Amino acid sequence: MADTHTHSHGPAGAHVAHRSDMGAAFAGLVIGALALLLLLGTIVMLTNRHYAAEKPAAGAER
C-alpha cells in the first residue's frame, strides 16, 4: 500500500510549542459550573413552589 501521507513532521520525539488554552479551559469550567448551579437552583425553586400548598404527611412533623 502506498503512503499517501503528505505533511512532514519533525524528528521523532521533537517538542512542538503549542499555545496554551488554559484560560479558555478555566472560563469554560466556571461558566459550566455557574450554568449548573443556575439550573439546579431553578429546579429547586420551581419544585418548592409547586409543593408549597400541600400539607405535610402525618409522620413528617416532629
N, C-alpha and C. Protein backbone atom coordinates (compact mmCIF):
# COMPACT_ATOMS: atom_id res chain seq x y z
N MET A 1 0.85 -1.18 0.00
CA MET A 1 0.00 0.00 0.00
C MET A 1 0.89 1.24 0.00
N ALA A 2 0.58 2.19 -0.82
CA ALA A 2 1.39 3.39 -0.97
C ALA A 2 1.11 4.35 0.18
N ASP A 3 2.14 5.06 0.62
CA ASP A 3 1.99 6.05 1.68
C ASP A 3 1.51 7.35 1.07
N THR A 4 0.28 7.77 1.44
CA THR A 4 -0.29 9.00 0.88
C THR A 4 -0.22 10.16 1.87
N HIS A 5 0.48 9.97 2.95
CA HIS A 5 0.62 11.00 3.99
C HIS A 5 1.58 12.07 3.48
N THR A 6 1.09 13.32 3.37
CA THR A 6 1.90 14.34 2.72
C THR A 6 2.52 15.35 3.66
N HIS A 7 2.05 15.50 4.90
CA HIS A 7 2.69 16.53 5.72
C HIS A 7 3.93 15.97 6.40
N SER A 8 4.87 16.85 6.55
CA SER A 8 6.11 16.42 7.18
C SER A 8 6.06 16.72 8.67
N HIS A 9 6.70 15.89 9.40
CA HIS A 9 6.79 16.05 10.86
C HIS A 9 8.26 16.23 11.21
N GLY A 10 8.48 16.84 12.36
CA GLY A 10 9.85 16.99 12.84
C GLY A 10 10.41 15.63 13.25
N PRO A 11 11.62 15.63 13.72
CA PRO A 11 12.22 14.37 14.17
C PRO A 11 11.37 13.74 15.27
N ALA A 12 11.40 12.43 15.34
CA ALA A 12 10.61 11.71 16.34
C ALA A 12 10.98 12.21 17.74
N GLY A 13 9.98 12.50 18.53
CA GLY A 13 10.20 12.96 19.90
C GLY A 13 10.46 14.44 20.02
N ALA A 14 10.43 15.18 18.91
CA ALA A 14 10.69 16.62 18.98
C ALA A 14 9.50 17.32 19.63
N HIS A 15 9.79 18.29 20.46
CA HIS A 15 8.73 19.05 21.13
C HIS A 15 8.29 20.20 20.24
N VAL A 16 7.00 20.26 19.98
CA VAL A 16 6.44 21.33 19.18
C VAL A 16 5.71 22.26 20.13
N ALA A 17 6.05 23.54 20.11
CA ALA A 17 5.42 24.51 21.01
C ALA A 17 3.98 24.77 20.57
N HIS A 18 3.05 24.66 21.52
CA HIS A 18 1.64 24.94 21.27
C HIS A 18 1.21 26.04 22.23
N ARG A 19 0.26 26.86 21.78
CA ARG A 19 -0.29 27.87 22.67
C ARG A 19 -1.15 27.19 23.71
N SER A 20 -1.11 27.70 24.91
CA SER A 20 -1.90 27.13 25.99
C SER A 20 -3.34 27.63 25.91
N ASP A 21 -4.28 26.72 26.09
CA ASP A 21 -5.69 27.07 26.13
C ASP A 21 -6.21 27.02 27.56
N MET A 22 -5.31 27.22 28.51
CA MET A 22 -5.68 27.12 29.92
C MET A 22 -6.72 28.17 30.30
N GLY A 23 -6.63 29.38 29.78
CA GLY A 23 -7.60 30.42 30.08
C GLY A 23 -8.99 30.05 29.59
N ALA A 24 -9.06 29.51 28.39
CA ALA A 24 -10.35 29.08 27.83
C ALA A 24 -10.91 27.90 28.61
N ALA A 25 -10.02 27.02 29.05
CA ALA A 25 -10.48 25.87 29.84
C ALA A 25 -11.07 26.32 31.17
N PHE A 26 -10.41 27.24 31.86
CA PHE A 26 -10.95 27.72 33.12
C PHE A 26 -12.23 28.52 32.93
N ALA A 27 -12.31 29.29 31.87
CA ALA A 27 -13.53 30.04 31.58
C ALA A 27 -14.69 29.07 31.34
N GLY A 28 -14.44 28.03 30.59
CA GLY A 28 -15.48 27.02 30.35
C GLY A 28 -15.88 26.32 31.62
N LEU A 29 -14.92 26.04 32.48
CA LEU A 29 -15.21 25.40 33.76
C LEU A 29 -16.09 26.28 34.63
N VAL A 30 -15.74 27.55 34.73
CA VAL A 30 -16.51 28.49 35.55
C VAL A 30 -17.90 28.71 34.97
N ILE A 31 -17.99 28.92 33.68
CA ILE A 31 -19.29 29.14 33.05
C ILE A 31 -20.16 27.89 33.16
N GLY A 32 -19.57 26.72 32.99
CA GLY A 32 -20.32 25.47 33.13
C GLY A 32 -20.82 25.27 34.55
N ALA A 33 -19.98 25.57 35.54
CA ALA A 33 -20.39 25.42 36.94
C ALA A 33 -21.52 26.39 37.28
N LEU A 34 -21.41 27.63 36.82
CA LEU A 34 -22.47 28.61 37.07
C LEU A 34 -23.77 28.20 36.39
N ALA A 35 -23.68 27.67 35.19
CA ALA A 35 -24.88 27.23 34.48
C ALA A 35 -25.56 26.08 35.22
N LEU A 36 -24.76 25.13 35.74
CA LEU A 36 -25.33 24.03 36.50
C LEU A 36 -25.99 24.52 37.79
N LEU A 37 -25.33 25.44 38.49
CA LEU A 37 -25.92 25.98 39.71
C LEU A 37 -27.22 26.72 39.42
N LEU A 38 -27.24 27.49 38.36
CA LEU A 38 -28.45 28.20 37.98
C LEU A 38 -29.57 27.22 37.62
N LEU A 39 -29.24 26.18 36.88
CA LEU A 39 -30.23 25.18 36.50
C LEU A 39 -30.77 24.45 37.73
N LEU A 40 -29.90 24.00 38.61
CA LEU A 40 -30.35 23.30 39.81
C LEU A 40 -31.15 24.21 40.73
N GLY A 41 -30.72 25.45 40.88
CA GLY A 41 -31.46 26.40 41.71
C GLY A 41 -32.85 26.64 41.16
N THR A 42 -32.97 26.74 39.85
CA THR A 42 -34.28 26.93 39.22
C THR A 42 -35.17 25.71 39.45
N ILE A 43 -34.62 24.52 39.32
CA ILE A 43 -35.40 23.30 39.55
C ILE A 43 -35.90 23.23 40.99
N VAL A 44 -35.03 23.53 41.95
CA VAL A 44 -35.43 23.50 43.36
C VAL A 44 -36.51 24.55 43.63
N MET A 45 -36.34 25.76 43.11
CA MET A 45 -37.31 26.83 43.31
C MET A 45 -38.68 26.45 42.74
N LEU A 46 -38.68 25.93 41.51
CA LEU A 46 -39.95 25.54 40.89
C LEU A 46 -40.61 24.37 41.61
N THR A 47 -39.81 23.42 42.08
CA THR A 47 -40.36 22.28 42.82
C THR A 47 -40.95 22.74 44.14
N ASN A 48 -40.24 23.61 44.86
CA ASN A 48 -40.76 24.12 46.13
C ASN A 48 -42.04 24.92 45.91
N ARG A 49 -42.09 25.70 44.86
CA ARG A 49 -43.29 26.48 44.56
C ARG A 49 -44.47 25.55 44.25
N HIS A 50 -44.19 24.47 43.55
CA HIS A 50 -45.25 23.53 43.17
C HIS A 50 -45.85 22.84 44.39
N TYR A 51 -45.02 22.46 45.35
CA TYR A 51 -45.48 21.72 46.52
C TYR A 51 -45.74 22.59 47.74
N ALA A 52 -45.69 23.90 47.61
CA ALA A 52 -45.86 24.80 48.76
C ALA A 52 -47.25 24.71 49.36
N ALA A 53 -48.27 24.47 48.57
CA ALA A 53 -49.65 24.44 49.08
C ALA A 53 -50.02 23.10 49.73
N GLU A 54 -49.22 22.07 49.52
CA GLU A 54 -49.55 20.76 50.09
C GLU A 54 -49.22 20.70 51.57
N LYS A 55 -50.03 19.96 52.30
CA LYS A 55 -49.78 19.76 53.72
C LYS A 55 -48.82 18.60 53.90
N PRO A 56 -47.94 18.67 54.92
CA PRO A 56 -47.02 17.56 55.13
C PRO A 56 -47.75 16.29 55.58
N ALA A 57 -47.16 15.17 55.36
CA ALA A 57 -47.74 13.89 55.77
C ALA A 57 -47.82 13.83 57.30
N ALA A 58 -48.63 12.94 57.83
CA ALA A 58 -48.86 12.87 59.26
C ALA A 58 -47.58 12.59 60.04
N GLY A 59 -46.71 11.76 59.56
CA GLY A 59 -45.49 11.41 60.28
C GLY A 59 -44.32 12.32 59.99
N ALA A 60 -44.50 13.33 59.18
CA ALA A 60 -43.39 14.18 58.76
C ALA A 60 -43.01 15.22 59.80
N GLU A 61 -43.95 15.65 60.62
CA GLU A 61 -43.66 16.70 61.60
C GLU A 61 -43.12 16.08 62.88
N ARG A 62 -42.26 16.83 63.57
CA ARG A 62 -41.69 16.33 64.82
C ARG A 62 -42.39 16.95 66.01
